[in-house]
C-alpha atoms as a PDB file:
ATOM      1  CA  MET A   1      75.790 -50.263 164.162  1.00  0.00           C
ATOM      2  CA  THR A   2      77.340 -52.744 166.596  1.00  0.00           C
ATOM      3  CA  ALA A   3      74.864 -54.392 168.953  1.00  0.00           C
ATOM      4  CA  ALA A   4      75.444 -54.008 172.676  1.00  0.00           C
ATOM      5  CA  GLY A   5      76.263 -57.031 174.762  1.00  0.00           C
ATOM      6  CA  PRO A   6      79.451 -58.447 173.277  1.00  0.00           C
ATOM      7  CA  ALA A   7      81.083 -61.431 174.907  1.00  0.00           C
ATOM      8  CA  GLY A   8      81.520 -60.866 178.619  1.00  0.00           C
ATOM      9  CA  SER A   9      78.336 -58.858 179.250  1.00  0.00           C
ATOM     10  CA  THR A  10      76.378 -59.799 182.366  1.00  0.00           C
ATOM     11  CA  VAL A  11      72.780 -59.524 183.503  1.00  0.00           C
ATOM     12  CA  VAL A  12      72.687 -59.226 187.304  1.00  0.00           C
ATOM     13  CA  LEU A  13      69.421 -60.433 188.822  1.00  0.00           C
ATOM     14  CA  VAL A  14      68.520 -58.709 192.101  1.00  0.00           C
ATOM     15  CA  ASP A  15      65.902 -59.618 194.684  1.00  0.00           C
ATOM     16  CA  ARG A  16      64.229 -56.679 196.440  1.00  0.00           C
ATOM     17  CA  ASP A  17      67.063 -54.437 195.209  1.00  0.00           C
ATOM     18  CA  GLN A  18      69.627 -56.625 196.991  1.00  0.00           C
ATOM     19  CA  LEU A  19      72.723 -57.208 194.871  1.00  0.00           C
ATOM     20  CA  PRO A  20      74.420 -60.616 194.869  1.00  0.00           C
ATOM     21  CA  ALA A  21      77.741 -60.235 196.689  1.00  0.00           C
ATOM     22  CA  ALA A  22      79.655 -61.435 193.614  1.00  0.00           C
ATOM     23  CA  ALA A  23      78.207 -58.563 191.572  1.00  0.00           C
ATOM     24  CA  VAL A  24      79.894 -55.811 193.579  1.00  0.00           C
ATOM     25  CA  PRO A  25      83.426 -56.196 192.115  1.00  0.00           C
ATOM     26  CA  LEU A  26      81.876 -56.668 188.671  1.00  0.00           C
ATOM     27  CA  LEU A  27      80.059 -53.335 188.885  1.00  0.00           C
ATOM     28  CA  ARG A  28      83.228 -51.614 190.058  1.00  0.00           C
ATOM     29  CA  SER A  29      85.326 -52.968 187.197  1.00  0.00           C
ATOM     30  CA  THR A  30      82.875 -52.384 184.334  1.00  0.00           C
ATOM     31  CA  ASP A  31      82.469 -48.976 182.688  1.00  0.00           C
ATOM     32  CA  ALA A  32      79.006 -49.531 181.169  1.00  0.00           C
ATOM     33  CA  VAL A  33      76.583 -50.338 183.999  1.00  0.00           C
ATOM     34  CA  PHE A  34      72.822 -49.835 183.685  1.00  0.00           C
ATOM     35  CA  ALA A  35      69.672 -50.815 185.557  1.00  0.00           C
ATOM     36  CA  THR A  36      66.135 -51.498 184.426  1.00  0.00           C
ATOM     37  CA  GLY A  37      63.436 -49.060 185.445  1.00  0.00           C
ATOM     38  CA  LYS A  38      62.212 -50.923 188.535  1.00  0.00           C
ATOM     39  CA  VAL A  39      65.609 -51.251 190.193  1.00  0.00           C
ATOM     40  CA  ASP A  40      66.529 -48.409 192.554  1.00  0.00           C
ATOM     41  CA  LEU A  41      70.245 -48.671 193.214  1.00  0.00           C
ATOM     42  CA  GLY A  42      71.375 -45.241 192.024  1.00  0.00           C
ATOM     43  CA  LEU A  43      72.506 -46.628 188.658  1.00  0.00           C
ATOM     44  CA  PRO A  44      71.698 -45.027 185.298  1.00  0.00           C
ATOM     45  CA  PHE A  45      68.599 -46.565 183.799  1.00  0.00           C
ATOM     46  CA  ALA A  46      69.004 -48.541 180.608  1.00  0.00           C
ATOM     47  CA  PRO A  47      67.892 -46.401 177.621  1.00  0.00           C
ATOM     48  CA  PRO A  48      65.318 -47.903 175.238  1.00  0.00           C
ATOM     49  CA  ASP A  49      67.972 -48.297 172.532  1.00  0.00           C
ATOM     50  CA  LEU A  50      70.558 -49.932 174.804  1.00  0.00           C
ATOM     51  CA  THR A  51      70.824 -53.076 172.742  1.00  0.00           C
ATOM     52  CA  ASP A  52      71.297 -51.043 169.552  1.00  0.00           C
ATOM     53  CA  ARG A  53      74.102 -48.872 170.886  1.00  0.00           C
ATOM     54  CA  ALA A  54      77.729 -49.298 169.900  1.00  0.00           C
ATOM     55  CA  LEU A  55      79.737 -49.929 173.074  1.00  0.00           C
ATOM     56  CA  ALA A  56      83.460 -50.455 173.419  1.00  0.00           C
ATOM     57  CA  GLY A  57      83.249 -53.465 175.721  1.00  0.00           C
ATOM     58  CA  PRO A  58      81.105 -55.636 177.915  1.00  0.00           C
ATOM     59  CA  LEU A  59      78.254 -54.080 179.851  1.00  0.00           C
ATOM     60  CA  VAL A  60      76.389 -54.965 183.043  1.00  0.00           C
ATOM     61  CA  LEU A  61      72.619 -54.698 183.307  1.00  0.00           C
ATOM     62  CA  VAL A  62      71.042 -54.902 186.767  1.00  0.00           C
ATOM     63  CA  THR A  63      67.420 -56.059 186.739  1.00  0.00           C
ATOM     64  CA  ASP A  64      64.794 -57.750 188.876  1.00  0.00           C
ATOM     65  CA  ASP A  65      63.117 -59.333 185.851  1.00  0.00           C
ATOM     66  CA  LEU A  66      64.889 -61.486 183.271  1.00  0.00           C
ATOM     67  CA  ASP A  67      61.936 -60.936 180.927  1.00  0.00           C
ATOM     68  CA  ASP A  68      62.607 -57.196 180.824  1.00  0.00           C
ATOM     69  CA  PRO A  69      63.180 -56.315 177.124  1.00  0.00           C
ATOM     70  CA  ALA A  70      66.743 -55.082 177.668  1.00  0.00           C
ATOM     71  CA  ALA A  71      67.655 -58.113 179.787  1.00  0.00           C
ATOM     72  CA  ALA A  72      66.034 -60.525 177.334  1.00  0.00           C
ATOM     73  CA  ALA A  73      67.880 -58.937 174.416  1.00  0.00           C
ATOM     74  CA  LEU A  74      71.232 -59.189 176.162  1.00  0.00           C
ATOM     75  CA  LEU A  75      70.609 -62.802 177.116  1.00  0.00           C
ATOM     76  CA  ALA A  76      69.686 -63.577 173.518  1.00  0.00           C
ATOM     77  CA  ARG A  77      73.107 -62.225 172.495  1.00  0.00           C
ATOM     78  CA  GLY A  78      74.917 -64.520 174.917  1.00  0.00           C
ATOM     79  CA  ALA A  79      75.157 -62.449 178.096  1.00  0.00           C
ATOM     80  CA  SER A  80      75.591 -64.454 181.309  1.00  0.00           C
ATOM     81  CA  VAL A  81      73.354 -64.245 184.385  1.00  0.00           C
ATOM     82  CA  LEU A  82      74.596 -63.543 187.899  1.00  0.00           C
ATOM     83  CA  ALA A  83      72.051 -64.092 190.644  1.00  0.00           C
ATOM     84  CA  ALA A  84      72.166 -64.785 194.344  1.00  0.00           C
ATOM     85  CA  PRO A  85      70.201 -67.842 195.445  1.00  0.00           C
ATOM     86  CA  ARG A  86      66.755 -66.667 196.529  1.00  0.00           C
ATOM     87  CA  ALA A  87      66.030 -67.157 200.189  1.00  0.00           C
ATOM     88  CA  GLY A  88      63.961 -70.288 200.583  1.00  0.00           C
ATOM     89  CA  ALA A  89      64.906 -71.801 197.239  1.00  0.00           C
ATOM     90  CA  ALA A  90      66.131 -74.982 198.927  1.00  0.00           C
ATOM     91  CA  LEU A  91      62.692 -75.393 200.503  1.00  0.00           C
ATOM     92  CA  LEU A  92      61.331 -76.180 197.051  1.00  0.00           C
ATOM     93  CA  ASP A  93      63.878 -78.990 196.786  1.00  0.00           C
ATOM     94  CA  ALA A  94      62.751 -80.323 200.162  1.00  0.00           C
ATOM     95  CA  VAL A  95      59.122 -80.250 199.024  1.00  0.00           C
ATOM     96  CA  ALA A  96      60.046 -82.141 195.856  1.00  0.00           C
ATOM     97  CA  VAL A  97      61.929 -84.808 197.826  1.00  0.00           C
ATOM     98  CA  MET A  98      59.001 -85.259 200.215  1.00  0.00           C
ATOM     99  CA  ASP A  99      56.629 -85.563 197.290  1.00  0.00           C
ATOM    100  CA  ARG A 100      58.839 -88.218 195.683  1.00  0.00           C
ATOM    101  CA  LEU A 101      59.052 -90.225 198.899  1.00  0.00           C
ATOM    102  CA  ARG A 102      55.295 -90.150 199.369  1.00  0.00           C
ATOM    103  CA  SER A 103      54.332 -90.849 195.733  1.00  0.00           C
ATOM    104  CA  PRO A 104      53.980 -94.238 193.999  1.00  0.00           C
ATOM    105  CA  GLY A 105      57.415 -95.723 193.454  1.00  0.00           C
ATOM    106  CA  GLY A 106      58.788 -93.851 196.467  1.00  0.00           C
ATOM    107  CA  CYS A 107      59.376 -95.116 200.005  1.00  0.00           C
ATOM    108  CA  PRO A 108      56.853 -97.739 201.255  1.00  0.00           C
ATOM    109  CA  TRP A 109      57.258 -96.600 204.886  1.00  0.00           C
ATOM    110  CA  ASP A 110      56.674 -92.931 204.041  1.00  0.00           C
ATOM    111  CA  ALA A 111      53.632 -93.870 201.969  1.00  0.00           C
ATOM    112  CA  GLU A 112      51.994 -95.613 204.936  1.00  0.00           C
ATOM    113  CA  GLN A 113      52.292 -92.773 207.433  1.00  0.00           C
ATOM    114  CA  THR A 114      49.328 -90.784 208.737  1.00  0.00           C
ATOM    115  CA  HIS A 115      48.972 -87.681 210.894  1.00  0.00           C
ATOM    116  CA  GLU A 116      48.376 -89.997 213.850  1.00  0.00           C
ATOM    117  CA  SER A 117      51.389 -92.260 213.214  1.00  0.00           C
ATOM    118  CA  LEU A 118      53.684 -89.235 212.856  1.00  0.00           C
ATOM    119  CA  ARG A 119      52.709 -87.689 216.200  1.00  0.00           C
ATOM    120  CA  VAL A 120      55.451 -89.407 218.165  1.00  0.00           C
ATOM    121  CA  TYR A 121      58.144 -88.227 215.754  1.00  0.00           C
ATOM    122  CA  LEU A 122      56.989 -84.616 215.945  1.00  0.00           C
ATOM    123  CA  VAL A 123      57.238 -84.684 219.734  1.00  0.00           C
ATOM    124  CA  GLU A 124      60.639 -86.398 219.670  1.00  0.00           C
ATOM    125  CA  GLU A 125      62.099 -83.991 217.115  1.00  0.00           C
ATOM    126  CA  CYS A 126      60.905 -80.946 219.060  1.00  0.00           C
ATOM    127  CA  PHE A 127      62.570 -82.212 222.237  1.00  0.00           C
ATOM    128  CA  GLU A 128      65.773 -83.016 220.336  1.00  0.00           C
ATOM    129  CA  LEU A 129      65.720 -79.451 219.022  1.00  0.00           C
ATOM    130  CA  LEU A 130      65.382 -78.179 222.589  1.00  0.00           C
ATOM    131  CA  ASP A 131      68.408 -80.281 223.568  1.00  0.00           C
ATOM    132  CA  ALA A 132      70.453 -78.734 220.757  1.00  0.00           C
ATOM    133  CA  ILE A 133      69.456 -75.245 221.910  1.00  0.00           C
ATOM    134  CA  ASP A 134      70.282 -76.039 225.547  1.00  0.00           C
ATOM    135  CA  ASP A 135      73.643 -77.530 224.520  1.00  0.00           C
ATOM    136  CA  GLY A 136      74.521 -74.538 222.338  1.00  0.00           C
ATOM    137  CA  ASP A 137      75.419 -77.036 219.605  1.00  0.00           C
ATOM    138  CA  ARG A 138      75.119 -75.149 216.291  1.00  0.00           C
ATOM    139  CA  THR A 139      75.647 -78.244 214.145  1.00  0.00           C
ATOM    140  CA  ALA A 140      72.958 -80.170 215.998  1.00  0.00           C
ATOM    141  CA  LEU A 141      70.691 -77.105 215.938  1.00  0.00           C
ATOM    142  CA  ARG A 142      70.819 -76.953 212.147  1.00  0.00           C
ATOM    143  CA  GLU A 143      70.142 -80.690 211.862  1.00  0.00           C
ATOM    144  CA  GLU A 144      67.279 -80.705 214.348  1.00  0.00           C
ATOM    145  CA  LEU A 145      65.638 -77.698 212.707  1.00  0.00           C
ATOM    146  CA  GLY A 146      65.710 -79.744 209.515  1.00  0.00           C
ATOM    147  CA  ASP A 147      64.069 -82.674 211.281  1.00  0.00           C
ATOM    148  CA  VAL A 148      61.296 -80.424 212.611  1.00  0.00           C
ATOM    149  CA  LEU A 149      60.871 -78.974 209.116  1.00  0.00           C
ATOM    150  CA  LEU A 150      60.546 -82.522 207.799  1.00  0.00           C
ATOM    151  CA  GLN A 151      57.577 -83.036 210.093  1.00  0.00           C
ATOM    152  CA  VAL A 152      55.874 -79.946 208.658  1.00  0.00           C
ATOM    153  CA  LEU A 153      56.544 -81.096 205.085  1.00  0.00           C
ATOM    154  CA  PHE A 154      55.389 -84.618 205.891  1.00  0.00           C
ATOM    155  CA  HIS A 155      52.114 -83.566 207.529  1.00  0.00           C
ATOM    156  CA  ALA A 156      51.349 -81.102 204.725  1.00  0.00           C
ATOM    157  CA  ARG A 157      51.991 -83.806 202.109  1.00  0.00           C
ATOM    158  CA  VAL A 158      49.719 -86.246 203.940  1.00  0.00           C
ATOM    159  CA  ALA A 159      47.064 -83.523 204.164  1.00  0.00           C
ATOM    160  CA  GLU A 160      47.010 -83.179 200.366  1.00  0.00           C
ATOM    161  CA  GLU A 161      45.620 -86.700 200.144  1.00  0.00           C
ATOM    162  CA  HIS A 162      42.668 -86.201 202.494  1.00  0.00           C
ATOM    163  CA  PRO A 163      39.518 -87.274 200.634  1.00  0.00           C
ATOM    164  CA  ASP A 164      37.203 -84.605 202.056  1.00  0.00           C
ATOM    165  CA  ASP A 165      39.308 -81.651 203.190  1.00  0.00           C
ATOM    166  CA  PRO A 166      42.687 -81.601 201.426  1.00  0.00           C
ATOM    167  CA  PHE A 167      45.152 -78.739 201.805  1.00  0.00           C
ATOM    168  CA  SER A 168      48.727 -78.210 200.698  1.00  0.00           C
ATOM    169  CA  LEU A 169      51.952 -76.741 202.009  1.00  0.00           C
ATOM    170  CA  ASP A 170      51.112 -73.579 200.046  1.00  0.00           C
ATOM    171  CA  ASP A 171      47.870 -73.321 202.020  1.00  0.00           C
ATOM    172  CA  VAL A 172      49.810 -73.728 205.267  1.00  0.00           C
ATOM    173  CA  ALA A 173      52.369 -71.088 204.269  1.00  0.00           C
ATOM    174  CA  GLY A 174      49.685 -68.728 202.970  1.00  0.00           C
ATOM    175  CA  ALA A 175      47.769 -68.911 206.241  1.00  0.00           C
ATOM    176  CA  LEU A 176      50.987 -68.252 208.150  1.00  0.00           C
ATOM    177  CA  VAL A 177      51.782 -65.187 206.048  1.00  0.00           C
ATOM    178  CA  ALA A 178      48.273 -63.823 206.584  1.00  0.00           C
ATOM    179  CA  LYS A 179      48.578 -64.408 210.331  1.00  0.00           C
ATOM    180  CA  LEU A 180      51.981 -62.731 210.638  1.00  0.00           C
ATOM    181  CA  VAL A 181      50.922 -59.725 208.588  1.00  0.00           C
ATOM    182  CA  GLY A 182      47.613 -59.391 210.434  1.00  0.00           C
ATOM    183  CA  ARG A 183      49.217 -59.573 213.852  1.00  0.00           C
ATOM    184  CA  HIS A 184      51.947 -57.061 213.051  1.00  0.00           C
ATOM    185  CA  PRO A 185      49.979 -53.977 211.952  1.00  0.00           C
ATOM    186  CA  HIS A 186      52.801 -51.808 213.344  1.00  0.00           C
ATOM    187  CA  VAL A 187      55.043 -53.311 210.648  1.00  0.00           C
ATOM    188  CA  PHE A 188      52.758 -54.000 207.688  1.00  0.00           C
ATOM    189  CA  ALA A 189      49.869 -51.563 208.085  1.00  0.00           C
ATOM    190  CA  GLY A 190      51.626 -48.263 208.612  1.00  0.00           C
ATOM    191  CA  GLY A 191      51.782 -48.353 212.391  1.00  0.00           C
ATOM    192  CA  ASP A 192      49.848 -49.285 215.522  1.00  0.00           C
ATOM    193  CA  PRO A 193      49.740 -46.818 218.438  1.00  0.00           C
ATOM    194  CA  ALA A 194      49.237 -49.725 220.851  1.00  0.00           C
ATOM    195  CA  VAL A 195      52.682 -51.130 220.067  1.00  0.00           C
ATOM    196  CA  HIS A 196      55.877 -49.354 221.103  1.00  0.00           C
ATOM    197  CA  ASP A 197      58.066 -52.127 222.539  1.00  0.00           C
ATOM    198  CA  ALA A 198      58.308 -55.923 222.809  1.00  0.00           C
ATOM    199  CA  SER A 199      56.056 -56.078 225.866  1.00  0.00           C
ATOM    200  CA  THR A 200      53.179 -54.130 224.304  1.00  0.00           C
ATOM    201  CA  GLN A 201      53.582 -56.179 221.100  1.00  0.00           C
ATOM    202  CA  GLN A 202      53.039 -59.380 223.086  1.00  0.00           C
ATOM    203  CA  VAL A 203      49.858 -57.964 224.603  1.00  0.00           C
ATOM    204  CA  ARG A 204      48.674 -56.765 221.200  1.00  0.00           C
ATOM    205  CA  TRP A 205      49.408 -60.180 219.671  1.00  0.00           C
ATOM    206  CA  GLU A 206      47.115 -61.873 222.189  1.00  0.00           C
ATOM    207  CA  GLU A 207      44.392 -59.263 221.653  1.00  0.00           C
ATOM    208  CA  LEU A 208      44.475 -59.743 217.891  1.00  0.00           C
ATOM    209  CA  LYS A 209      44.561 -63.521 218.283  1.00  0.00           C
ATOM    210  CA  GLN A 210      41.472 -63.453 220.482  1.00  0.00           C
ATOM    211  CA  GLN A 211      39.670 -61.240 217.944  1.00  0.00           C
ATOM    212  CA  GLU A 212      40.608 -63.513 215.044  1.00  0.00           C
ATOM    213  CA  LYS A 213      39.627 -66.755 216.729  1.00  0.00           C
ATOM    214  CA  ARG A 214      36.606 -65.312 218.554  1.00  0.00           C
ATOM    215  CA  ARG A 215      37.521 -67.182 221.688  1.00  0.00           C
ATOM    216  CA  GLU A 216      35.026 -67.329 224.505  1.00  0.00           C
ATOM    217  CA  SER A 217      37.533 -68.103 227.258  1.00  0.00           C
ATOM    218  CA  SER A 218      40.941 -66.767 228.183  1.00  0.00           C
ATOM    219  CA  VAL A 219      42.233 -70.351 228.233  1.00  0.00           C
ATOM    220  CA  ASP A 220      40.824 -71.392 224.855  1.00  0.00           C
ATOM    221  CA  GLY A 221      43.567 -72.582 222.548  1.00  0.00           C
ATOM    222  CA  VAL A 222      45.977 -73.682 225.285  1.00  0.00           C
ATOM    223  CA  ALA A 223      47.434 -77.027 224.205  1.00  0.00           C
ATOM    224  CA  THR A 224      46.608 -79.413 227.043  1.00  0.00           C
ATOM    225  CA  GLY A 225      48.915 -82.088 225.590  1.00  0.00           C
ATOM    226  CA  GLN A 226      52.076 -80.165 226.479  1.00  0.00           C
ATOM    227  CA  PRO A 227      54.180 -81.143 229.521  1.00  0.00           C
ATOM    228  CA  ALA A 228      52.214 -80.552 232.725  1.00  0.00           C
ATOM    229  CA  LEU A 229      54.567 -77.942 234.172  1.00  0.00           C
ATOM    230  CA  ALA A 230      54.519 -75.948 230.938  1.00  0.00           C
ATOM    231  CA  LEU A 231      50.733 -76.337 230.794  1.00  0.00           C
ATOM    232  CA  ALA A 232      50.315 -74.950 234.297  1.00  0.00           C
ATOM    233  CA  ALA A 233      52.580 -72.003 233.465  1.00  0.00           C
ATOM    234  CA  LYS A 234      50.673 -71.258 230.251  1.00  0.00           C
ATOM    235  CA  LEU A 235      47.311 -71.346 232.003  1.00  0.00           C
ATOM    236  CA  VAL A 236      48.594 -69.000 234.712  1.00  0.00           C
ATOM    237  CA  SER A 237      49.982 -66.645 232.061  1.00  0.00           C
ATOM    238  CA  ARG A 238      46.649 -66.522 230.244  1.00  0.00           C
ATOM    239  CA  THR A 239      44.538 -66.058 233.370  1.00  0.00           C
ATOM    240  CA  ALA A 240      46.887 -63.389 234.730  1.00  0.00           C
ATOM    241  CA  ARG A 241      46.287 -61.338 231.579  1.00  0.00           C
ATOM    242  CA  ALA A 242      42.556 -61.814 232.211  1.00  0.00           C
ATOM    243  CA  ASN A 243      43.071 -60.364 235.736  1.00  0.00           C
ATOM    244  CA  LEU A 244      42.203 -63.587 237.564  1.00  0.00           C
ATOM    245  CA  PRO A 245      43.198 -63.014 241.231  1.00  0.00           C
ATOM    246  CA  PRO A 246      45.992 -65.325 242.437  1.00  0.00           C
ATOM    247  CA  ASP A 247      43.897 -66.560 245.382  1.00  0.00           C
ATOM    248  CA  LEU A 248      41.712 -68.476 242.916  1.00  0.00           C
ATOM    249  CA  LEU A 249      44.611 -70.609 241.691  1.00  0.00           C
ATOM    250  CA  PRO A 250      44.634 -74.245 242.902  1.00  0.00           C
ATOM    251  CA  ASP A 251      45.675 -74.339 246.565  1.00  0.00           C
ATOM    252  CA  ASP A 252      45.006 -77.919 247.682  1.00  0.00           C
ATOM    253  CA  THR A 253      47.669 -79.859 249.556  1.00  0.00           C
ATOM    254  CA  ASP A 254      48.012 -82.796 247.170  1.00  0.00           C
ATOM    255  CA  THR A 255      51.161 -83.172 245.087  1.00  0.00           C
ATOM    256  CA  GLY A 256      49.588 -81.914 241.860  1.00  0.00           C
ATOM    257  CA  ALA A 257      48.272 -78.728 243.461  1.00  0.00           C
ATOM    258  CA  ARG A 258      51.624 -78.033 245.125  1.00  0.00           C
ATOM    259  CA  LEU A 259      53.434 -78.463 241.798  1.00  0.00           C
ATOM    260  CA  PHE A 260      50.883 -76.169 240.147  1.00  0.00           C
ATOM    261  CA  ALA A 261      51.477 -73.549 242.844  1.00  0.00           C
ATOM    262  CA  ILE A 262      55.252 -73.698 242.299  1.00  0.00           C
ATOM    263  CA  ALA A 263      54.760 -73.304 238.546  1.00  0.00           C
ATOM    264  CA  ALA A 264      52.340 -70.420 239.107  1.00  0.00           C
ATOM    265  CA  ASP A 265      54.703 -68.584 241.468  1.00  0.00           C
ATOM    266  CA  ALA A 266      57.567 -68.962 238.994  1.00  0.00           C
ATOM    267  CA  LYS A 267      55.543 -67.790 236.016  1.00  0.00           C
ATOM    268  CA  LEU A 268      54.083 -64.796 237.845  1.00  0.00           C
ATOM    269  CA  ALA A 269      57.642 -63.860 238.839  1.00  0.00           C
ATOM    270  CA  GLY A 270      58.659 -63.852 235.182  1.00  0.00           C
ATOM    271  CA  ALA A 271      60.479 -67.196 235.155  1.00  0.00           C
ATOM    272  CA  ASP A 272      60.036 -70.217 232.893  1.00  0.00           C
ATOM    273  CA  PRO A 273      59.338 -73.141 235.242  1.00  0.00           C
ATOM    274  CA  GLU A 274      59.492 -75.749 232.469  1.00  0.00           C
ATOM    275  CA  GLY A 275      62.842 -74.466 231.233  1.00  0.00           C
ATOM    276  CA  GLU A 276      64.277 -74.123 234.733  1.00  0.00           C
ATOM    277  CA  LEU A 277      63.223 -77.624 235.738  1.00  0.00           C
ATOM    278  CA  ARG A 278      64.671 -78.994 232.492  1.00  0.00           C
ATOM    279  CA  ALA A 279      67.967 -77.237 233.237  1.00  0.00           C
ATOM    280  CA  VAL A 280      68.116 -78.788 236.719  1.00  0.00           C
ATOM    281  CA  ALA A 281      67.274 -82.212 235.280  1.00  0.00           C
ATOM    282  CA  ARG A 282      70.007 -81.874 232.652  1.00  0.00           C
ATOM    283  CA  ARG A 283      72.561 -80.907 235.321  1.00  0.00           C
ATOM    284  CA  PHE A 284      71.491 -83.886 237.399  1.00  0.00           C
ATOM    285  CA  ALA A 285      71.898 -86.238 234.415  1.00  0.00           C
ATOM    286  CA  ALA A 286      75.354 -84.785 233.758  1.00  0.00           C
ATOM    287  CA  ASP A 287      76.327 -85.367 237.404  1.00  0.00           C
ATOM    288  CA  VAL A 288      75.129 -88.986 237.198  1.00  0.00           C
ATOM    289  CA  ARG A 289      77.281 -89.591 234.126  1.00  0.00           C
ATOM    290  CA  ALA A 290      80.275 -87.879 235.748  1.00  0.00           C
ATOM    291  CA  ALA A 291      79.978 -90.081 238.863  1.00  0.00           C
ATOM    292  CA  GLU A 292      79.723 -93.201 236.704  1.00  0.00           C
ATOM    293  CA  ARG A 293      82.807 -92.186 234.733  1.00  0.00           C
ATOM    294  CA  ALA A 294      84.712 -91.532 237.957  1.00  0.00           C
ATOM    295  CA  ALA A 295      83.696 -94.952 239.271  1.00  0.00           C
ATOM    296  CA  ARG A 296      84.892 -96.683 236.118  1.00  0.00           C
ATOM    297  CA  ALA A 297      88.184 -94.790 236.305  1.00  0.00           C
ATOM    298  CA  ALA A 298      88.584 -96.100 239.866  1.00  0.00           C
ATOM    299  CA  GLY A 299      87.934 -99.661 238.713  1.00  0.00           C
ATOM    300  CA  THR A 300      84.323 -99.905 239.920  1.00  0.00           C
ATOM    301  CA  ASP A 301      81.436-101.090 237.773  1.00  0.00           C
ATOM    302  CA  PRO A 302      78.742 -98.346 238.069  1.00  0.00           C
ATOM    303  CA  ALA A 303      76.047-101.028 238.045  1.00  0.00           C
ATOM    304  CA  THR A 304      77.363-102.321 241.398  1.00  0.00           C
ATOM    305  CA  MET A 305      77.652 -98.990 243.228  1.00  0.00           C
ATOM    306  CA  ASP A 306      75.982 -98.676 246.609  1.00  0.00           C
ATOM    307  CA  ALA A 307      74.938 -95.395 248.256  1.00  0.00           C
ATOM    308  CA  ASP A 308      78.368 -94.698 249.772  1.00  0.00           C
ATOM    309  CA  THR A 309      80.114 -95.329 246.439  1.00  0.00           C
ATOM    310  CA  TRP A 310      77.749 -92.962 244.666  1.00  0.00           C
ATOM    311  CA  ARG A 311      78.485 -90.270 247.233  1.00  0.00           C
ATOM    312  CA  ARG A 312      82.226 -90.850 246.973  1.00  0.00           C
ATOM    313  CA  HIS A 313      82.241 -90.279 243.207  1.00  0.00           C
ATOM    314  CA  TRP A 314      79.566 -87.567 243.055  1.00  0.00           C
ATOM    315  CA  PRO A 315      80.856 -84.312 241.487  1.00  0.00           C
ATOM    316  CA  GLY A 316      81.760 -81.724 244.089  1.00  0.00           C
ATOM    317  CA  ARG A 317      81.696 -84.140 247.016  1.00  0.00           C
ATOM    318  CA  THR A 318      84.673 -84.212 249.371  1.00  0.00           C
ATOM    319  CA  ARG A 319      86.196 -87.672 249.223  1.00  0.00           C
END
């Protein structure tokens, strides 16, 4: 009897029953196509004697496990493997690179860094990511996301070396998975009657967070190191959900209280005061650059401009 799996046979590895795109034409052009028992794609399941059958030509076996007996037998007879890259596979490469940089024989600068020394870079990279988002620059967005990811990898690698309380990137990711699953019972636990749209999900998220962390105050957990305008807006958002009456918000006449009141009014109206102020600041910076370019084009050094010259070259001004 001729063994199945002559030259040209292929084992297609699927992930969560998702076929690699390159496998679709292969399945259409091959007469003998089978699947292992755990794959539900409407294909005939591979019989126990598949590898002992006499077949006229190459066959395709779709499986989610290369150790499946039929898959292993075909691979032993020279079948090739077709698999789509698993989502997140490149993250393992990034972890390996970070480990190499931090380990003996790696980069001396990387080896010296601590959580404290890396703080400034985390802040800078987050703001650079915000710039890429505001600019709509997809290339910069991809790069800056990578730089923020580097900070996560770096901090997790440093944390592994803590003498008393070490933890790894796997611990970080595991805690994140548990949090996401726990705070989305409407997705992972068969439903949640309290959630029926994005708004109710946001309320439910905060309720579950408060239960998990056993917070004593509605403002516990608010990061006070964030920009002051964003901090004011976050505090107002939290206290509004706790039904704090608006008349108890700061109402002094000093500059700080007035700025807080503006942030509070914007947040209670559904706006993002931090984002809106950043947008105005970015437009202002763009106007400054445009005026300086116009001055140079007119033969004037921007460093020597007086008030009238600034006004003459300011975008939108009538000359």
